[in-house]
Each structure stands twice: as structure tokens, then as C-alpha cells.
């Protein structure tokens, strides 16, 4: 994997408070993808030549720790990919494991959805999905008994 990772202050986007978001920039074969770190800084506290925070920045230690942690995470992921000889697209590399699609059965999905709705006290909606789950279960058992 020939992906380069850098930290940038995205100064072309200015937030309402006058700050700009800090992002990771991933580049592979001339294509780039940006991923927000969820933090923003005033552009006057960013060294654009070195692409790093100035030491005069308020909350310098906290912000630099967040940046270092995110950078280390993706560099470790890059090293693991190189060691295993994996090659993947830039978007797939940037995707978080938490946001990756999870494979489960329809029954498991509906059970989780019903529990979540009941925890949110949306009992009426949970009954609609419980009814759907029951109907699907009945359909599957009847089709197993009477194969055509």
C-alpha cells in the first residue's frame, strides 16, 4: 500500500466561530481523501509550512495528543497492511472499523431493532417490527414444511 498520511488545517472551510477543521489527508496514486479529526483551530495557531500546531495554540497539549493518536492509528493500520501484503482502495483504508457493515441475519437485526425501540420507549413502533418478525418466521416455517 503506497498511501501517504498527513495532517492539515483545512483553512478553506471556516466554521462559524472562525476556526478551521483539522483533518487527516490520505493520498494514493494522486487521489486524496480527507477525514475530519473532530477538532478545529484558529488558522493563526497553525503552521502551514510544517503542517502542525504552533506551540502558542490554546489547548496545545490536548489537541496535539488527539492529532498524534489519530495519526498513529492510521500509520499502524498502514504498516499492518504492508506487512500482510494487502492492497485496498483509499476509501476502504480510511473507513473506520466501527462503521464497517456488520453481517447478521434478518432475525438478529429485527431483534436488536425491537430492543432499541423499546429502550427508547417507542413501544408502538416496536410492535410493528415484532409483527414483521413473527410473520417472517411463520412464512419460513410454513415454506420449510411445504416445499414446492
Protein backbone atom coordinates (compact mmCIF):
# COMPACT_ATOMS: atom_id res chain seq x y z
CA UNK A 1 0.00 0.00 0.00
CA UNK A 2 1.52 3.27 -1.10
CA UNK A 3 -0.66 5.62 0.93
CA UNK A 4 0.73 8.80 2.44
CA UNK A 5 -0.86 10.35 5.50
CA UNK A 6 -0.56 13.96 6.60
CA UNK A 7 -2.31 16.36 8.96
CA UNK A 8 -3.73 19.59 7.57
CA UNK A 9 -5.71 22.57 8.74
CA UNK A 10 -8.49 22.89 6.17
CA UNK A 11 -8.42 26.68 6.02
CA UNK A 12 -10.71 26.96 3.01
CA UNK A 13 -13.57 25.91 5.29
CA UNK A 14 -14.15 28.41 8.07
CA UNK A 15 -16.59 27.49 10.81
CA UNK A 16 -18.97 29.94 12.49
CA UNK A 17 -16.51 30.55 15.34
CA UNK A 18 -13.73 31.49 12.91
CA UNK A 19 -11.86 28.22 13.32
CA UNK A 20 -10.97 25.70 10.63
CA UNK A 21 -11.20 21.91 10.95
CA UNK A 22 -8.08 19.79 11.38
CA UNK A 23 -8.12 16.81 9.05
CA UNK A 24 -6.06 13.84 8.02
CA UNK A 25 -5.21 13.82 4.33
CA UNK A 26 -4.71 10.42 2.71
CA UNK A 27 -3.10 10.30 -0.73
CA UNK A 28 -2.71 7.31 -3.05
CA UNK A 29 -1.82 7.45 -6.74
CA UNK A 30 -2.65 11.16 -6.98
CA UNK A 31 -6.08 10.78 -5.37
CA UNK A 32 -6.81 12.18 -1.96
CA UNK A 33 -9.37 11.72 0.77
CA UNK A 34 -9.87 13.87 3.84
CA UNK A 35 -11.08 12.67 7.24
CA UNK A 36 -12.02 15.11 9.96
CA UNK A 37 -10.48 14.63 13.38
CA UNK A 38 -13.41 16.38 15.05
CA UNK A 39 -11.28 19.29 16.23
CA UNK A 40 -10.79 22.78 14.90
CA UNK A 41 -8.22 25.50 15.41
CA UNK A 42 -7.88 29.14 14.58
CA UNK A 43 -5.71 29.32 11.43
CA UNK A 44 -3.36 31.75 13.18
CA UNK A 45 -2.42 28.90 15.56
CA UNK A 46 -1.43 26.58 12.69
CA UNK A 47 1.97 26.43 10.98
CA UNK A 48 1.06 25.82 7.33
CA UNK A 49 4.67 25.25 6.24
CA UNK A 50 5.22 22.43 8.74
CA UNK A 51 1.55 21.31 8.87
CA UNK A 52 1.41 21.28 12.64
CA UNK A 53 0.08 23.25 15.59
CA UNK A 54 2.03 26.21 16.83
CA UNK A 55 3.14 25.86 20.43
CA UNK A 56 1.28 29.09 21.24
CA UNK A 57 -2.06 27.43 20.49
CA UNK A 58 -4.50 27.25 23.41
CA UNK A 59 -5.04 23.61 24.47
CA UNK A 60 -1.87 22.71 22.58
CA UNK A 61 -1.19 19.53 24.55
CA UNK A 62 -4.75 18.17 24.24
CA UNK A 63 -5.04 18.96 20.54
CA UNK A 64 -1.62 17.59 19.67
CA UNK A 65 -2.43 14.39 21.62
CA UNK A 66 -5.62 13.91 19.57
CA UNK A 67 -3.73 14.52 16.34
CA UNK A 68 -0.89 12.18 17.32
CA UNK A 69 -3.28 9.42 18.36
CA UNK A 70 -5.24 9.56 15.10
CA UNK A 71 -2.06 9.69 13.03
CA UNK A 72 -0.57 6.75 14.94
CA UNK A 73 -3.77 4.72 14.43
CA UNK A 74 -3.68 5.07 10.66
CA UNK A 75 0.09 4.62 10.43
CA UNK A 76 -0.26 1.36 12.38
CA UNK A 77 -3.07 0.30 10.05
CA UNK A 78 -0.84 1.13 7.07
CA UNK A 79 2.08 -0.88 8.48
CA UNK A 80 -0.17 -3.88 9.14
CA UNK A 81 -1.47 -3.72 5.57
CA UNK A 82 2.06 -3.56 4.17
CA UNK A 83 3.21 -6.45 6.36
CA UNK A 84 0.33 -8.62 5.18
CA UNK A 85 0.76 -7.52 1.57
CA UNK A 86 -2.80 -6.22 1.40
CA UNK A 87 -3.88 -3.68 -1.16
CA UNK A 88 -7.09 -1.75 -0.84
CA UNK A 89 -8.77 1.37 -2.13
CA UNK A 90 -8.22 4.68 -0.44
CA UNK A 91 -11.82 4.89 0.79
CA UNK A 92 -11.72 1.39 2.25
CA UNK A 93 -8.48 2.23 4.07
CA UNK A 94 -9.95 5.37 5.60
CA UNK A 95 -13.19 3.69 6.71
CA UNK A 96 -13.44 3.12 10.43
CA UNK A 97 -13.88 -0.41 11.64
CA UNK A 98 -16.80 0.81 13.76
CA UNK A 99 -18.65 1.98 10.66
CA UNK A 100 -17.94 -1.17 8.68
CA UNK A 101 -21.05 -3.13 7.71
CA UNK A 102 -21.89 -5.89 10.12
CA UNK A 103 -23.25 -9.14 8.79
CA UNK A 104 -26.19 -10.57 10.69
CA UNK A 105 -29.41 -12.39 10.00
CA UNK A 106 -32.71 -10.59 9.48
CA UNK A 107 -33.97 -12.11 12.73
CA UNK A 108 -30.99 -10.77 14.68
CA UNK A 109 -31.39 -7.35 13.08
CA UNK A 110 -35.09 -7.19 13.92
CA UNK A 111 -34.48 -8.39 17.49
CA UNK A 112 -31.90 -5.64 18.02
CA UNK A 113 -34.17 -3.05 16.46
CA UNK A 114 -37.11 -4.11 18.66
CA UNK A 115 -34.94 -3.91 21.79
CA UNK A 116 -33.61 -0.48 20.83
CA UNK A 117 -37.12 0.84 20.17
CA UNK A 118 -38.38 -0.49 23.50
CA UNK A 119 -35.43 1.11 25.30
CA UNK A 120 -36.35 4.40 23.61
CA UNK A 121 -39.94 3.81 24.78
CA UNK A 122 -41.26 3.63 21.22
CA UNK A 123 -43.48 0.68 22.03
CA UNK A 124 -45.87 1.10 19.09
CA UNK A 125 -43.05 1.02 16.55
CA UNK A 126 -41.51 -1.99 18.27
CA UNK A 127 -44.79 -3.90 17.87
CA UNK A 128 -44.76 -3.24 14.13
CA UNK A 129 -41.30 -4.83 13.83
CA UNK A 130 -42.25 -7.64 16.21
CA UNK A 131 -45.23 -8.36 13.94
CA UNK A 132 -42.92 -8.36 10.90
CA UNK A 133 -40.52 -10.75 12.64
CA UNK A 134 -43.37 -13.10 13.57
CA UNK A 135 -44.78 -13.04 10.03
CA UNK A 136 -41.35 -13.80 8.52
CA UNK A 137 -40.80 -16.61 10.99
CA UNK A 138 -44.22 -18.12 10.19
CA UNK A 139 -43.55 -17.80 6.47
CA UNK A 140 -40.19 -19.53 6.75
CA UNK A 141 -41.54 -22.40 8.86
CA UNK A 142 -44.51 -22.93 6.53
CA UNK A 143 -42.29 -22.87 3.44
CA UNK A 144 -39.97 -25.42 5.07
CA UNK A 145 -42.93 -27.74 5.68
CA UNK A 146 -44.40 -27.34 2.18
CA UNK A 147 -41.53 -27.08 -0.31
CA UNK A 148 -42.65 -26.69 -3.92
